[in-house]
Amino acid sequence: MPSIDVVIELSYDACLAHYEGRVEQVYTRSLDGRRVAFPAVALRHVVTREGVYGVYRLTFSEGGRFISILPLS
């Protein structure tokens, strides 16, 4: 399955907007500079009281659908 490593820096308040459904997609940059979008609901698995900060690996299906998010740092 294809994967891409991204940097995510979102405050708790920004994550809350995603969690409440006011924002459906998260937009960020990969480590190699590509712009990446993935479903905001994925943040539920990695959000803390401070928000989401760090490098994460996103995994997608062969068809490009989001599958998982894992912290790398």
C-alpha atoms as a PDB file:
ATOM      1  CA  MET A   1       0.000   0.000   0.000  1.00  0.00           C
ATOM      2  CA  PRO A   2       1.277   3.480  -0.782  1.00  0.00           C
ATOM      3  CA  SER A   3       2.284   5.674   2.135  1.00  0.00           C
ATOM      4  CA  ILE A   4       3.541   9.203   2.591  1.00  0.00           C
ATOM      5  CA  ASP A   5       5.220  10.926   5.542  1.00  0.00           C
ATOM      6  CA  VAL A   6       3.787  14.315   6.485  1.00  0.00           C
ATOM      7  CA  VAL A   7       4.347  17.043   9.047  1.00  0.00           C
ATOM      8  CA  ILE A   8       1.224  18.015  10.997  1.00  0.00           C
ATOM      9  CA  GLU A   9       1.092  21.043  13.276  1.00  0.00           C
ATOM     10  CA  LEU A  10      -2.445  21.696  14.510  1.00  0.00           C
ATOM     11  CA  SER A  11      -3.496  23.274  17.793  1.00  0.00           C
ATOM     12  CA  TYR A  12      -6.168  21.611  19.896  1.00  0.00           C
ATOM     13  CA  ASP A  13      -8.678  24.273  18.762  1.00  0.00           C
ATOM     14  CA  ALA A  14      -7.911  23.552  15.108  1.00  0.00           C
ATOM     15  CA  CYS A  15      -8.358  19.830  15.777  1.00  0.00           C
ATOM     16  CA  LEU A  16     -11.671  20.547  17.479  1.00  0.00           C
ATOM     17  CA  ALA A  17     -12.958  22.221  14.304  1.00  0.00           C
ATOM     18  CA  HIS A  18     -12.030  19.074  12.403  1.00  0.00           C
ATOM     19  CA  TYR A  19     -13.542  16.828  15.064  1.00  0.00           C
ATOM     20  CA  GLU A  20     -16.834  18.730  15.127  1.00  0.00           C
ATOM     21  CA  GLY A  21     -17.163  18.340  11.379  1.00  0.00           C
ATOM     22  CA  ARG A  22     -16.747  22.012  10.511  1.00  0.00           C
ATOM     23  CA  VAL A  23     -13.712  21.003   8.445  1.00  0.00           C
ATOM     24  CA  GLU A  24     -13.734  17.769   6.433  1.00  0.00           C
ATOM     25  CA  GLN A  25     -10.188  17.631   5.051  1.00  0.00           C
ATOM     26  CA  VAL A  26      -6.750  18.259   6.543  1.00  0.00           C
ATOM     27  CA  TYR A  27      -4.203  19.821   4.209  1.00  0.00           C
ATOM     28  CA  THR A  28      -0.503  19.506   4.963  1.00  0.00           C
ATOM     29  CA  ARG A  29       2.879  18.984   3.291  1.00  0.00           C
ATOM     30  CA  SER A  30       4.841  15.796   2.903  1.00  0.00           C
ATOM     31  CA  LEU A  31       8.496  15.646   3.885  1.00  0.00           C
ATOM     32  CA  ASP A  32       9.389  15.922   0.191  1.00  0.00           C
ATOM     33  CA  GLY A  33       7.205  19.025  -0.327  1.00  0.00           C
ATOM     34  CA  ARG A  34       4.048  17.575  -1.883  1.00  0.00           C
ATOM     35  CA  ARG A  35       0.658  18.910  -0.777  1.00  0.00           C
ATOM     36  CA  VAL A  36      -1.408  16.165   0.855  1.00  0.00           C
ATOM     37  CA  ALA A  37      -5.088  16.018   1.837  1.00  0.00           C
ATOM     38  CA  PHE A  38      -6.697  13.402   4.064  1.00  0.00           C
ATOM     39  CA  PRO A  39      -9.982  13.044   6.003  1.00  0.00           C
ATOM     40  CA  ALA A  40     -10.163  15.062   9.210  1.00  0.00           C
ATOM     41  CA  VAL A  41     -11.701  12.135  11.090  1.00  0.00           C
ATOM     42  CA  ALA A  42      -8.244  10.502  11.005  1.00  0.00           C
ATOM     43  CA  LEU A  43      -7.048  13.037  13.581  1.00  0.00           C
ATOM     44  CA  ARG A  44      -9.223  11.369  16.214  1.00  0.00           C
ATOM     45  CA  HIS A  45      -6.622   8.617  16.457  1.00  0.00           C
ATOM     46  CA  VAL A  46      -3.677  10.924  17.183  1.00  0.00           C
ATOM     47  CA  VAL A  47      -4.993  14.123  18.823  1.00  0.00           C
ATOM     48  CA  THR A  48      -3.780  15.032  22.327  1.00  0.00           C
ATOM     49  CA  ARG A  49      -4.660  17.872  24.683  1.00  0.00           C
ATOM     50  CA  GLU A  50      -2.041  19.977  22.907  1.00  0.00           C
ATOM     51  CA  GLY A  51      -3.271  19.128  19.420  1.00  0.00           C
ATOM     52  CA  VAL A  52      -1.405  17.193  16.738  1.00  0.00           C
ATOM     53  CA  TYR A  53       2.275  17.951  16.251  1.00  0.00           C
ATOM     54  CA  GLY A  54       4.916  15.829  14.585  1.00  0.00           C
ATOM     55  CA  VAL A  55       5.698  13.600  11.652  1.00  0.00           C
ATOM     56  CA  TYR A  56       3.109  10.989  10.698  1.00  0.00           C
ATOM     57  CA  ARG A  57       2.890   8.231   8.097  1.00  0.00           C
ATOM     58  CA  LEU A  58      -0.343   8.186   6.113  1.00  0.00           C
ATOM     59  CA  THR A  59      -1.256   4.954   4.336  1.00  0.00           C
ATOM     60  CA  PHE A  60      -3.599   4.836   1.351  1.00  0.00           C
ATOM     61  CA  SER A  61      -5.182   2.077  -0.714  1.00  0.00           C
ATOM     62  CA  GLU A  62      -4.065   1.482  -4.273  1.00  0.00           C
ATOM     63  CA  GLY A  63      -7.143   3.506  -5.279  1.00  0.00           C
ATOM     64  CA  GLY A  64      -6.039   6.487  -3.200  1.00  0.00           C
ATOM     65  CA  ARG A  65      -8.429   6.085  -0.248  1.00  0.00           C
ATOM     66  CA  PHE A  66      -7.091   6.886   3.222  1.00  0.00           C
ATOM     67  CA  ILE A  67      -6.438   3.821   5.422  1.00  0.00           C
ATOM     68  CA  SER A  68      -4.365   4.803   8.467  1.00  0.00           C
ATOM     69  CA  ILE A  69      -2.220   7.368  10.273  1.00  0.00           C
ATOM     70  CA  LEU A  70       0.754   6.462  12.488  1.00  0.00           C
ATOM     71  CA  PRO A  71       3.074   8.795  14.438  1.00  0.00           C
ATOM     72  CA  LEU A  72       6.756   8.619  13.489  1.00  0.00           C
ATOM     73  CA  SER A  73       8.093  11.070  16.052  1.00  0.00           C
END
